[in-house]
N, C-alpha and C. Protein backbone atom coordinates (compact mmCIF):
# COMPACT_ATOMS: atom_id res chain seq x y z
N UNK A 1 248.97 105.60 260.39
CA UNK A 1 249.12 105.21 258.98
C UNK A 1 249.79 103.85 258.85
N UNK A 2 250.70 103.52 259.76
CA UNK A 2 251.44 102.26 259.66
C UNK A 2 250.51 101.06 259.70
N UNK A 3 249.45 101.14 260.53
CA UNK A 3 248.57 99.99 260.64
C UNK A 3 247.83 99.74 259.33
N UNK A 4 247.50 100.82 258.60
CA UNK A 4 246.84 100.64 257.31
C UNK A 4 247.80 100.01 256.30
N UNK A 5 249.07 100.46 256.34
CA UNK A 5 250.07 99.92 255.40
C UNK A 5 250.27 98.43 255.65
N UNK A 6 250.43 98.05 256.93
CA UNK A 6 250.67 96.64 257.27
C UNK A 6 249.48 95.79 256.85
N UNK A 7 248.28 96.32 257.10
CA UNK A 7 247.07 95.57 256.74
C UNK A 7 247.04 95.28 255.24
N UNK A 8 247.28 96.30 254.42
CA UNK A 8 247.19 96.12 252.97
C UNK A 8 248.41 95.38 252.42
N UNK A 9 249.57 95.55 253.06
CA UNK A 9 250.74 94.78 252.64
C UNK A 9 250.47 93.29 252.84
N UNK A 10 249.92 92.94 254.01
CA UNK A 10 249.61 91.53 254.30
C UNK A 10 248.62 90.99 253.28
N UNK A 11 247.60 91.80 252.96
CA UNK A 11 246.60 91.37 251.99
C UNK A 11 247.23 91.13 250.62
N UNK A 12 248.08 92.05 250.18
CA UNK A 12 248.68 91.91 248.85
C UNK A 12 249.68 90.78 248.78
N UNK A 13 250.44 90.57 249.88
CA UNK A 13 251.37 89.43 249.90
C UNK A 13 250.60 88.13 249.80
N UNK A 14 249.46 88.04 250.51
CA UNK A 14 248.67 86.81 250.45
C UNK A 14 248.17 86.53 249.04
N UNK A 15 247.95 87.60 248.27
CA UNK A 15 247.47 87.43 246.90
C UNK A 15 248.55 86.89 245.97
N UNK A 16 249.84 87.19 246.28
CA UNK A 16 250.90 86.75 245.36
C UNK A 16 251.54 85.44 245.81
N UNK A 17 251.14 84.91 246.97
CA UNK A 17 251.70 83.64 247.43
C UNK A 17 251.49 82.53 246.39
N UNK A 18 250.28 82.41 245.79
CA UNK A 18 250.12 81.38 244.75
C UNK A 18 251.10 81.55 243.59
N UNK A 19 251.41 82.80 243.24
CA UNK A 19 252.37 83.05 242.16
C UNK A 19 253.75 82.57 242.57
N UNK A 20 254.13 82.85 243.82
CA UNK A 20 255.42 82.40 244.31
C UNK A 20 255.50 80.87 244.34
N UNK A 21 254.40 80.25 244.76
CA UNK A 21 254.37 78.78 244.82
C UNK A 21 254.53 78.18 243.43
N UNK A 22 253.85 78.78 242.46
CA UNK A 22 253.96 78.30 241.08
C UNK A 22 255.38 78.48 240.56
N UNK A 23 256.00 79.60 240.91
CA UNK A 23 257.37 79.87 240.48
C UNK A 23 258.33 78.85 241.09
N UNK A 24 258.12 78.53 242.37
CA UNK A 24 258.97 77.55 243.03
C UNK A 24 258.83 76.18 242.38
N UNK A 25 257.59 75.84 242.02
CA UNK A 25 257.35 74.55 241.35
C UNK A 25 258.05 74.51 240.01
N UNK A 26 258.02 75.63 239.28
CA UNK A 26 258.67 75.71 237.98
C UNK A 26 260.18 75.53 238.13
N UNK A 27 260.74 76.19 239.16
CA UNK A 27 262.18 76.08 239.38
C UNK A 27 262.54 74.65 239.75
N UNK A 28 261.71 74.00 240.57
CA UNK A 28 261.97 72.61 240.94
C UNK A 28 261.94 71.71 239.71
N UNK A 29 261.00 71.97 238.81
CA UNK A 29 260.90 71.19 237.58
C UNK A 29 262.13 71.42 236.70
N UNK A 30 262.58 72.67 236.64
CA UNK A 30 263.79 72.98 235.87
C UNK A 30 264.98 72.25 236.46
N UNK A 31 265.04 72.21 237.77
CA UNK A 31 266.15 71.54 238.44
C UNK A 31 266.20 70.07 238.09
N UNK A 32 265.00 69.46 238.02
CA UNK A 32 264.92 68.03 237.69
C UNK A 32 265.45 67.76 236.29
N UNK A 33 265.06 68.60 235.33
CA UNK A 33 265.48 68.37 233.94
C UNK A 33 266.92 68.78 233.69
N UNK A 34 267.44 69.70 234.55
CA UNK A 34 268.81 70.18 234.33
C UNK A 34 269.82 69.51 235.24
N UNK A 35 269.39 68.45 235.94
CA UNK A 35 270.28 67.83 236.92
C UNK A 35 271.56 67.29 236.31
N UNK A 36 271.48 66.99 235.01
CA UNK A 36 272.67 66.43 234.35
C UNK A 36 273.76 67.48 234.16
N UNK A 37 273.37 68.78 234.26
CA UNK A 37 274.39 69.83 234.07
C UNK A 37 275.38 69.84 235.22
N UNK A 38 274.87 69.41 236.38
CA UNK A 38 275.76 69.40 237.55
C UNK A 38 275.25 70.35 238.61
N UNK A 39 275.14 69.84 239.84
CA UNK A 39 274.56 70.63 240.93
C UNK A 39 275.37 71.88 241.24
N UNK A 40 276.70 71.83 241.00
CA UNK A 40 277.53 72.99 241.34
C UNK A 40 277.20 74.19 240.46
N UNK A 41 276.66 73.93 239.27
CA UNK A 41 276.30 75.01 238.36
C UNK A 41 274.81 75.35 238.47
N UNK A 42 273.98 74.30 238.53
CA UNK A 42 272.53 74.50 238.49
C UNK A 42 271.97 75.11 239.76
N UNK A 43 272.39 74.60 240.93
CA UNK A 43 271.78 75.04 242.18
C UNK A 43 271.95 76.54 242.44
N UNK A 44 273.17 77.10 242.28
CA UNK A 44 273.29 78.56 242.49
C UNK A 44 272.42 79.35 241.51
N UNK A 45 272.33 78.86 240.28
CA UNK A 45 271.53 79.55 239.27
C UNK A 45 270.07 79.56 239.67
N UNK A 46 269.55 78.40 240.06
CA UNK A 46 268.14 78.30 240.44
C UNK A 46 267.85 79.08 241.72
N UNK A 47 268.80 79.06 242.66
CA UNK A 47 268.63 79.83 243.90
C UNK A 47 268.51 81.32 243.58
N UNK A 48 269.33 81.78 242.66
CA UNK A 48 269.26 83.18 242.26
C UNK A 48 267.93 83.53 241.60
N UNK A 49 267.43 82.58 240.79
CA UNK A 49 266.13 82.81 240.14
C UNK A 49 265.03 82.94 241.18
N UNK A 50 265.03 82.01 242.16
CA UNK A 50 264.01 82.04 243.22
C UNK A 50 264.09 83.35 244.02
N UNK A 51 265.32 83.75 244.37
CA UNK A 51 265.50 84.98 245.15
C UNK A 51 265.02 86.20 244.37
N UNK A 52 265.32 86.23 243.08
CA UNK A 52 264.90 87.36 242.26
C UNK A 52 263.38 87.44 242.15
N UNK A 53 262.74 86.29 241.93
CA UNK A 53 261.28 86.27 241.82
C UNK A 53 260.64 86.69 243.13
N UNK A 54 261.16 86.17 244.25
CA UNK A 54 260.59 86.49 245.57
C UNK A 54 260.76 87.98 245.88
N UNK A 55 261.96 88.51 245.62
CA UNK A 55 262.21 89.93 245.90
C UNK A 55 261.31 90.84 245.07
N UNK A 56 261.17 90.50 243.80
CA UNK A 56 260.32 91.32 242.93
C UNK A 56 258.86 91.25 243.36
N UNK A 57 258.43 90.07 243.77
CA UNK A 57 257.03 89.91 244.18
C UNK A 57 256.73 90.68 245.45
N UNK A 58 257.64 90.61 246.45
CA UNK A 58 257.44 91.33 247.70
C UNK A 58 257.47 92.84 247.47
N UNK A 59 258.39 93.30 246.63
CA UNK A 59 258.46 94.73 246.31
C UNK A 59 257.18 95.20 245.63
N UNK A 60 256.65 94.36 244.76
CA UNK A 60 255.40 94.70 244.07
C UNK A 60 254.25 94.78 245.06
N UNK A 61 254.22 93.84 246.01
CA UNK A 61 253.17 93.84 247.03
C UNK A 61 253.25 95.08 247.89
N UNK A 62 254.48 95.48 248.26
CA UNK A 62 254.66 96.68 249.08
C UNK A 62 254.21 97.93 248.33
N UNK A 63 254.53 97.98 247.03
CA UNK A 63 254.12 99.13 246.22
C UNK A 63 252.60 99.21 246.12
N UNK A 64 251.97 98.06 245.94
CA UNK A 64 250.51 98.02 245.89
C UNK A 64 249.91 98.46 247.21
N UNK A 65 250.53 98.01 248.31
CA UNK A 65 250.02 98.37 249.64
C UNK A 65 250.11 99.87 249.86
N UNK A 66 251.24 100.47 249.48
CA UNK A 66 251.40 101.90 249.66
C UNK A 66 250.38 102.68 248.81
N UNK A 67 250.16 102.21 247.59
CA UNK A 67 249.19 102.87 246.72
C UNK A 67 247.79 102.73 247.29
N UNK A 68 247.48 101.54 247.83
CA UNK A 68 246.17 101.29 248.41
C UNK A 68 245.94 102.15 249.63
N UNK A 69 246.97 102.26 250.48
CA UNK A 69 246.85 103.06 251.70
C UNK A 69 246.59 104.51 251.36
N UNK A 70 247.35 105.05 250.40
CA UNK A 70 247.20 106.46 250.06
C UNK A 70 245.82 106.73 249.48
N UNK A 71 245.20 105.70 248.86
CA UNK A 71 243.91 105.89 248.25
C UNK A 71 242.76 105.59 249.20
N UNK A 72 243.01 104.69 250.19
CA UNK A 72 241.91 104.16 250.97
C UNK A 72 241.92 104.56 252.44
N UNK A 73 242.79 105.40 252.87
CA UNK A 73 242.79 105.76 254.29
C UNK A 73 242.72 107.28 254.48
N UNK A 74 241.60 107.89 254.06
CA UNK A 74 241.48 109.33 254.29
C UNK A 74 241.39 109.62 255.78
N UNK A 75 241.92 110.76 256.20
CA UNK A 75 241.82 111.15 257.60
C UNK A 75 240.76 112.22 257.75
N UNK A 76 240.00 112.14 258.85
CA UNK A 76 238.91 113.08 259.06
C UNK A 76 239.00 113.64 260.48
N UNK A 77 238.96 114.96 260.58
CA UNK A 77 238.90 115.59 261.89
C UNK A 77 237.43 115.70 262.29
N UNK A 78 237.11 115.28 263.51
CA UNK A 78 235.72 115.34 263.98
C UNK A 78 235.58 116.49 264.97
N UNK A 79 234.78 117.48 264.59
CA UNK A 79 234.48 118.61 265.46
C UNK A 79 233.14 118.32 266.13
N UNK A 80 233.09 118.45 267.45
CA UNK A 80 231.88 118.07 268.18
C UNK A 80 231.83 118.76 269.53
N UNK A 81 230.65 118.84 270.11
CA UNK A 81 230.51 119.28 271.49
C UNK A 81 230.81 118.08 272.39
N UNK A 82 231.54 118.32 273.45
CA UNK A 82 231.89 117.20 274.33
C UNK A 82 230.67 116.58 275.00
N UNK A 83 229.54 117.25 274.89
CA UNK A 83 228.29 116.65 275.37
C UNK A 83 227.80 115.57 274.41
N UNK A 84 228.38 115.54 273.22
CA UNK A 84 228.04 114.52 272.22
C UNK A 84 229.15 113.48 272.10
N UNK A 85 229.89 113.27 273.19
CA UNK A 85 231.03 112.36 273.17
C UNK A 85 230.62 110.92 272.84
N UNK A 86 229.51 110.46 273.37
CA UNK A 86 229.08 109.08 273.12
C UNK A 86 228.85 108.85 271.62
N UNK A 87 228.19 109.81 270.97
CA UNK A 87 227.97 109.70 269.52
C UNK A 87 229.31 109.72 268.78
N UNK A 88 230.20 110.62 269.19
CA UNK A 88 231.48 110.77 268.51
C UNK A 88 232.33 109.51 268.64
N UNK A 89 232.33 108.91 269.80
CA UNK A 89 233.09 107.67 269.99
C UNK A 89 232.55 106.55 269.11
N UNK A 90 231.24 106.45 269.02
CA UNK A 90 230.62 105.44 268.16
C UNK A 90 230.97 105.70 266.70
N UNK A 91 230.95 106.96 266.31
CA UNK A 91 231.28 107.34 264.94
C UNK A 91 232.74 107.01 264.63
N UNK A 92 233.63 107.36 265.55
CA UNK A 92 235.06 107.11 265.33
C UNK A 92 235.34 105.62 265.15
N UNK A 93 234.70 104.79 265.96
CA UNK A 93 234.89 103.35 265.83
C UNK A 93 234.37 102.84 264.48
N UNK A 94 233.22 103.33 264.07
CA UNK A 94 232.65 102.90 262.79
C UNK A 94 233.54 103.33 261.61
N UNK A 95 234.13 104.51 261.72
CA UNK A 95 235.03 104.99 260.66
C UNK A 95 236.30 104.14 260.60
N UNK A 96 236.85 103.80 261.75
CA UNK A 96 238.04 102.93 261.77
C UNK A 96 237.74 101.60 261.10
N UNK A 97 236.56 101.05 261.41
CA UNK A 97 236.17 99.76 260.82
C UNK A 97 236.04 99.86 259.30
N UNK A 98 235.82 101.08 258.80
CA UNK A 98 235.66 101.29 257.36
C UNK A 98 236.95 101.81 256.72
N UNK A 99 238.07 101.66 257.41
CA UNK A 99 239.38 102.10 256.89
C UNK A 99 239.45 103.62 256.68
N UNK A 100 238.84 104.34 257.59
CA UNK A 100 238.97 105.80 257.62
C UNK A 100 239.65 106.15 258.94
N UNK A 101 240.58 107.11 258.89
CA UNK A 101 241.37 107.46 260.07
C UNK A 101 240.75 108.67 260.78
N UNK A 102 240.01 108.46 261.89
CA UNK A 102 239.39 109.58 262.59
C UNK A 102 240.37 110.30 263.51
N UNK A 103 240.28 111.62 263.54
CA UNK A 103 241.10 112.43 264.44
C UNK A 103 240.16 113.10 265.44
N UNK A 104 240.27 112.70 266.70
CA UNK A 104 239.42 113.22 267.77
C UNK A 104 240.31 113.95 268.76
N UNK A 105 240.01 115.21 269.02
CA UNK A 105 240.92 116.04 269.81
C UNK A 105 241.33 115.43 271.14
N UNK A 106 240.37 114.97 271.93
CA UNK A 106 240.71 114.50 273.28
C UNK A 106 241.54 113.21 273.27
N UNK A 107 241.55 112.51 272.13
CA UNK A 107 242.36 111.30 272.01
C UNK A 107 243.77 111.62 271.49
N UNK A 108 243.94 112.82 270.97
CA UNK A 108 245.22 113.21 270.39
C UNK A 108 246.03 114.12 271.31
N UNK A 109 245.34 114.88 272.16
CA UNK A 109 246.01 115.86 273.00
C UNK A 109 246.86 115.21 274.09
N UNK A 110 248.00 115.84 274.37
CA UNK A 110 248.87 115.42 275.46
C UNK A 110 248.88 116.51 276.54
N UNK A 111 249.13 116.11 277.75
CA UNK A 111 249.20 117.07 278.84
C UNK A 111 250.26 118.13 278.52
N UNK A 112 249.91 119.39 278.66
CA UNK A 112 250.85 120.47 278.39
C UNK A 112 250.70 121.07 277.01
N UNK A 113 249.90 120.44 276.12
CA UNK A 113 249.70 120.98 274.78
C UNK A 113 248.92 122.29 274.83
N UNK A 114 249.25 123.20 273.93
CA UNK A 114 248.42 124.37 273.72
C UNK A 114 247.23 123.89 272.90
N UNK A 115 246.05 123.90 273.49
CA UNK A 115 244.89 123.27 272.87
C UNK A 115 244.57 123.87 271.51
N UNK A 116 244.52 125.17 271.43
CA UNK A 116 244.14 125.82 270.17
C UNK A 116 245.12 125.48 269.06
N UNK A 117 246.43 125.56 269.38
CA UNK A 117 247.45 125.26 268.38
C UNK A 117 247.39 123.79 267.96
N UNK A 118 247.21 122.90 268.95
CA UNK A 118 247.17 121.47 268.66
C UNK A 118 245.97 121.11 267.79
N UNK A 119 244.82 121.70 268.11
CA UNK A 119 243.62 121.43 267.32
C UNK A 119 243.78 121.97 265.90
N UNK A 120 244.38 123.14 265.77
CA UNK A 120 244.62 123.69 264.44
C UNK A 120 245.49 122.74 263.61
N UNK A 121 246.50 122.16 264.25
CA UNK A 121 247.37 121.21 263.56
C UNK A 121 246.59 119.96 263.13
N UNK A 122 245.69 119.51 263.99
CA UNK A 122 244.87 118.33 263.65
C UNK A 122 244.00 118.62 262.44
N UNK A 123 243.41 119.80 262.42
CA UNK A 123 242.58 120.19 261.27
C UNK A 123 243.43 120.27 260.01
N UNK A 124 244.62 120.82 260.13
CA UNK A 124 245.52 120.97 258.98
C UNK A 124 245.87 119.63 258.35
N UNK A 125 246.11 118.62 259.17
CA UNK A 125 246.58 117.34 258.62
C UNK A 125 245.44 116.41 258.20
N UNK A 126 244.21 116.83 258.42
CA UNK A 126 243.07 116.00 258.03
C UNK A 126 242.71 116.25 256.56
N UNK A 127 242.11 115.22 255.95
CA UNK A 127 241.62 115.36 254.58
C UNK A 127 240.23 115.99 254.55
N UNK A 128 239.45 115.70 255.58
CA UNK A 128 238.09 116.22 255.67
C UNK A 128 237.83 116.75 257.08
N UNK A 129 236.89 117.67 257.15
CA UNK A 129 236.47 118.23 258.43
C UNK A 129 235.02 117.81 258.66
N UNK A 130 234.80 116.95 259.64
CA UNK A 130 233.44 116.51 259.96
C UNK A 130 232.95 117.32 261.15
N UNK A 131 231.80 117.94 261.01
CA UNK A 131 231.26 118.68 262.15
C UNK A 131 229.93 118.06 262.57
N UNK A 132 229.90 117.65 263.83
CA UNK A 132 228.70 117.06 264.41
C UNK A 132 227.79 118.21 264.84
N UNK A 133 226.65 118.34 264.18
CA UNK A 133 225.75 119.46 264.43
C UNK A 133 224.59 119.00 265.31
N UNK A 134 224.50 119.63 266.46
CA UNK A 134 223.45 119.28 267.43
C UNK A 134 223.07 120.53 268.21
N UNK A 135 222.09 120.40 269.07
CA UNK A 135 221.72 121.51 269.94
C UNK A 135 222.88 121.86 270.87
N UNK A 136 223.71 120.85 271.18
CA UNK A 136 224.87 121.09 272.03
C UNK A 136 225.94 121.89 271.30
N UNK A 137 226.22 121.51 270.05
CA UNK A 137 227.27 122.22 269.30
C UNK A 137 226.84 123.65 268.97
N UNK A 138 225.52 123.86 268.83
CA UNK A 138 225.01 125.20 268.53
C UNK A 138 225.32 126.18 269.66
N UNK A 139 225.51 125.65 270.86
CA UNK A 139 225.81 126.49 272.03
C UNK A 139 227.31 126.59 272.30
N UNK A 140 228.10 125.88 271.50
CA UNK A 140 229.55 125.80 271.76
C UNK A 140 230.33 126.80 270.92
N UNK A 141 230.95 127.76 271.60
CA UNK A 141 231.80 128.73 270.90
C UNK A 141 233.01 128.03 270.29
N UNK A 142 233.50 126.99 270.97
CA UNK A 142 234.67 126.26 270.47
C UNK A 142 234.36 125.57 269.14
N UNK A 143 233.18 124.96 269.06
CA UNK A 143 232.79 124.28 267.82
C UNK A 143 232.70 125.29 266.68
N UNK A 144 232.18 126.48 266.96
CA UNK A 144 232.08 127.53 265.93
C UNK A 144 233.47 127.96 265.46
N UNK A 145 234.42 128.07 266.40
CA UNK A 145 235.78 128.46 266.05
C UNK A 145 236.44 127.40 265.18
N UNK A 146 236.16 126.12 265.46
CA UNK A 146 236.75 125.05 264.64
C UNK A 146 236.21 125.10 263.22
N UNK A 147 234.93 125.40 263.05
CA UNK A 147 234.36 125.53 261.71
C UNK A 147 235.01 126.69 260.97
N UNK A 148 235.19 127.79 261.67
CA UNK A 148 235.83 128.96 261.06
C UNK A 148 237.25 128.62 260.63
N UNK A 149 237.96 127.86 261.46
CA UNK A 149 239.33 127.47 261.13
C UNK A 149 239.35 126.57 259.89
N UNK A 150 238.40 125.65 259.81
CA UNK A 150 238.33 124.75 258.66
C UNK A 150 238.06 125.54 257.38
N UNK A 151 237.20 126.53 257.47
CA UNK A 151 236.89 127.37 256.31
C UNK A 151 238.14 128.13 255.86
N UNK A 152 238.87 128.69 256.83
CA UNK A 152 240.10 129.42 256.50
C UNK A 152 241.13 128.52 255.85
N UNK A 153 241.17 127.27 256.28
CA UNK A 153 242.15 126.32 255.76
C UNK A 153 241.70 125.71 254.44
N UNK A 154 240.48 126.02 254.02
CA UNK A 154 240.00 125.48 252.76
C UNK A 154 239.65 124.00 252.82
N UNK A 155 239.31 123.51 254.00
CA UNK A 155 238.97 122.11 254.15
C UNK A 155 237.57 121.83 253.61
N UNK A 156 237.36 120.63 253.11
CA UNK A 156 236.02 120.25 252.70
C UNK A 156 235.25 119.88 253.96
N UNK A 157 234.16 120.56 254.20
CA UNK A 157 233.38 120.37 255.43
C UNK A 157 232.21 119.44 255.15
N UNK A 158 232.11 118.38 255.95
CA UNK A 158 231.02 117.41 255.83
C UNK A 158 230.17 117.49 257.10
N UNK A 159 228.99 118.10 257.04
CA UNK A 159 228.14 118.21 258.22
C UNK A 159 227.46 116.87 258.56
N UNK A 160 227.48 116.53 259.84
CA UNK A 160 226.78 115.35 260.34
C UNK A 160 225.70 115.85 261.29
N UNK A 161 224.46 115.76 260.87
CA UNK A 161 223.39 116.45 261.58
C UNK A 161 222.62 115.52 262.52
N UNK A 162 222.63 115.89 263.80
CA UNK A 162 221.84 115.19 264.82
C UNK A 162 220.52 115.93 265.05
N UNK A 163 220.56 117.24 264.93
CA UNK A 163 219.36 118.07 265.12
C UNK A 163 219.26 119.05 263.95
N UNK A 164 218.26 118.85 263.10
CA UNK A 164 218.15 119.66 261.89
C UNK A 164 217.95 121.14 262.17
N UNK A 165 217.33 121.46 263.29
CA UNK A 165 217.10 122.86 263.58
C UNK A 165 218.30 123.55 264.20
N UNK A 166 219.43 122.82 264.31
CA UNK A 166 220.65 123.40 264.89
C UNK A 166 221.70 123.74 263.84
N UNK A 167 221.37 123.56 262.56
CA UNK A 167 222.33 123.82 261.49
C UNK A 167 222.70 125.30 261.47
N UNK A 168 223.99 125.63 261.56
CA UNK A 168 224.39 127.05 261.55
C UNK A 168 224.23 127.66 260.17
N UNK A 169 224.07 128.94 260.11
CA UNK A 169 223.83 129.65 258.85
C UNK A 169 224.89 129.37 257.79
N UNK A 170 226.20 129.35 258.13
CA UNK A 170 227.21 129.10 257.08
C UNK A 170 227.07 127.74 256.40
N UNK A 171 226.38 126.79 257.06
CA UNK A 171 226.25 125.44 256.50
C UNK A 171 224.81 125.13 256.08
N UNK A 172 223.98 126.15 256.05
CA UNK A 172 222.56 125.92 255.79
C UNK A 172 222.29 125.38 254.38
N UNK A 173 223.18 125.68 253.44
CA UNK A 173 222.97 125.21 252.07
C UNK A 173 223.83 124.02 251.69
N UNK A 174 224.46 123.41 252.68
CA UNK A 174 225.37 122.27 252.42
C UNK A 174 224.64 120.96 252.66
N UNK A 175 224.74 120.06 251.69
CA UNK A 175 224.11 118.73 251.85
C UNK A 175 224.80 118.00 252.99
N UNK A 176 224.02 117.39 253.86
CA UNK A 176 224.59 116.79 255.07
C UNK A 176 224.22 115.31 255.21
N UNK A 177 225.00 114.62 256.05
CA UNK A 177 224.68 113.24 256.43
C UNK A 177 223.66 113.32 257.55
N UNK A 178 222.53 112.67 257.36
CA UNK A 178 221.39 112.79 258.27
C UNK A 178 221.43 111.71 259.35
N UNK A 179 221.81 112.13 260.55
CA UNK A 179 221.83 111.22 261.70
C UNK A 179 220.65 111.49 262.64
N UNK A 180 219.64 112.21 262.16
CA UNK A 180 218.54 112.60 263.05
C UNK A 180 217.68 111.42 263.49
N UNK A 181 217.59 110.40 262.64
CA UNK A 181 216.73 109.26 262.98
C UNK A 181 217.52 107.98 263.22
N UNK A 182 218.41 107.64 262.29
CA UNK A 182 219.15 106.39 262.39
C UNK A 182 220.64 106.62 262.18
N UNK A 183 221.43 106.07 263.09
CA UNK A 183 222.89 106.20 262.98
C UNK A 183 223.40 105.55 261.70
N UNK A 184 222.94 104.33 261.43
CA UNK A 184 223.45 103.59 260.28
C UNK A 184 223.15 104.29 258.96
N UNK A 185 221.99 104.93 258.88
CA UNK A 185 221.63 105.63 257.64
C UNK A 185 222.56 106.82 257.41
N UNK A 186 222.83 107.58 258.47
CA UNK A 186 223.74 108.71 258.34
C UNK A 186 225.15 108.27 258.03
N UNK A 187 225.58 107.16 258.66
CA UNK A 187 226.92 106.64 258.41
C UNK A 187 227.07 106.21 256.96
N UNK A 188 226.04 105.58 256.42
CA UNK A 188 226.10 105.12 255.03
C UNK A 188 226.27 106.32 254.08
N UNK A 189 225.56 107.42 254.35
CA UNK A 189 225.70 108.62 253.53
C UNK A 189 227.13 109.16 253.60
N UNK A 190 227.68 109.19 254.81
CA UNK A 190 229.03 109.71 254.99
C UNK A 190 230.06 108.84 254.29
N UNK A 191 229.97 107.54 254.48
CA UNK A 191 230.95 106.63 253.87
C UNK A 191 230.87 106.65 252.35
N UNK A 192 229.68 106.88 251.82
CA UNK A 192 229.53 106.96 250.37
C UNK A 192 230.39 108.09 249.81
N UNK A 193 230.38 109.23 250.51
CA UNK A 193 231.20 110.37 250.09
C UNK A 193 232.69 110.07 250.26
N UNK A 194 233.06 109.49 251.39
CA UNK A 194 234.48 109.20 251.65
C UNK A 194 235.01 108.14 250.68
N UNK A 195 234.20 107.17 250.35
CA UNK A 195 234.64 106.12 249.44
C UNK A 195 234.83 106.65 248.02
N UNK A 196 234.03 107.63 247.64
CA UNK A 196 234.21 108.24 246.32
C UNK A 196 235.55 108.96 246.24
N UNK A 197 236.00 109.48 247.38
CA UNK A 197 237.27 110.22 247.40
C UNK A 197 238.46 109.30 247.23
N UNK A 198 238.28 107.98 247.42
CA UNK A 198 239.40 107.03 247.31
C UNK A 198 239.71 106.69 245.86
N UNK A 199 238.79 106.98 244.98
CA UNK A 199 239.00 106.57 243.59
C UNK A 199 240.00 107.44 242.87
C-alpha cells in the first residue's frame, strides 16, 4: 500500500507546486512594498506566511493522496492452478501496471507458514476474488476449496475464463472476463469492472 500512497502523494505535490510558486512570488512582492516597515518586523511575518502556506499545501496533497489510494488501489486475490502460473504472472504484472494490488499465494507465503490458514488470510484481506478457470483448475481440489472459501467470506468473485468448457457449476451463471482468445480483451473486461469500483 505504501508504494501507491507515495506515487499519488508525489503526483499531488507536483500539481500544487505552481500554487506554491505563485504564493512565494506574492510574498516576495509584499516584501518589496513593505520594506519600509523594517526587516526586523516584515521578514518574520513573511516567513511565517510562507511556512503556513507550504504546510497547508503539503497536508492537502497528502490527504488527496490517501483518498486517491483508498479509491484506486483495490486488492485482488488470484486463485489459479499452478499449471497456469505463466498466465497468472502475466496477469499480476498487468494489474500492477493498472494500479491494482494482486495477491498471489506463492509470492506471499513464507517458509513455515500453514498454507491453508495463510491463504484464507489472503482471501480475507482482498477486495475481490479472481479465479482463473481452465482445464487445469477444473482438476484442482485446492482451487475448488479456495472458491468455497471466497463464497463463505462473501467475497465478490470475478471469473477469468481460459477454457469455457471448464466453468464450474457454481459459477455457470456469472458473467466472466473472457481470456479464451485474447489476453488483452479479457484484461480490458476485468479492468472495466475494477475501475468502476474505484468511483
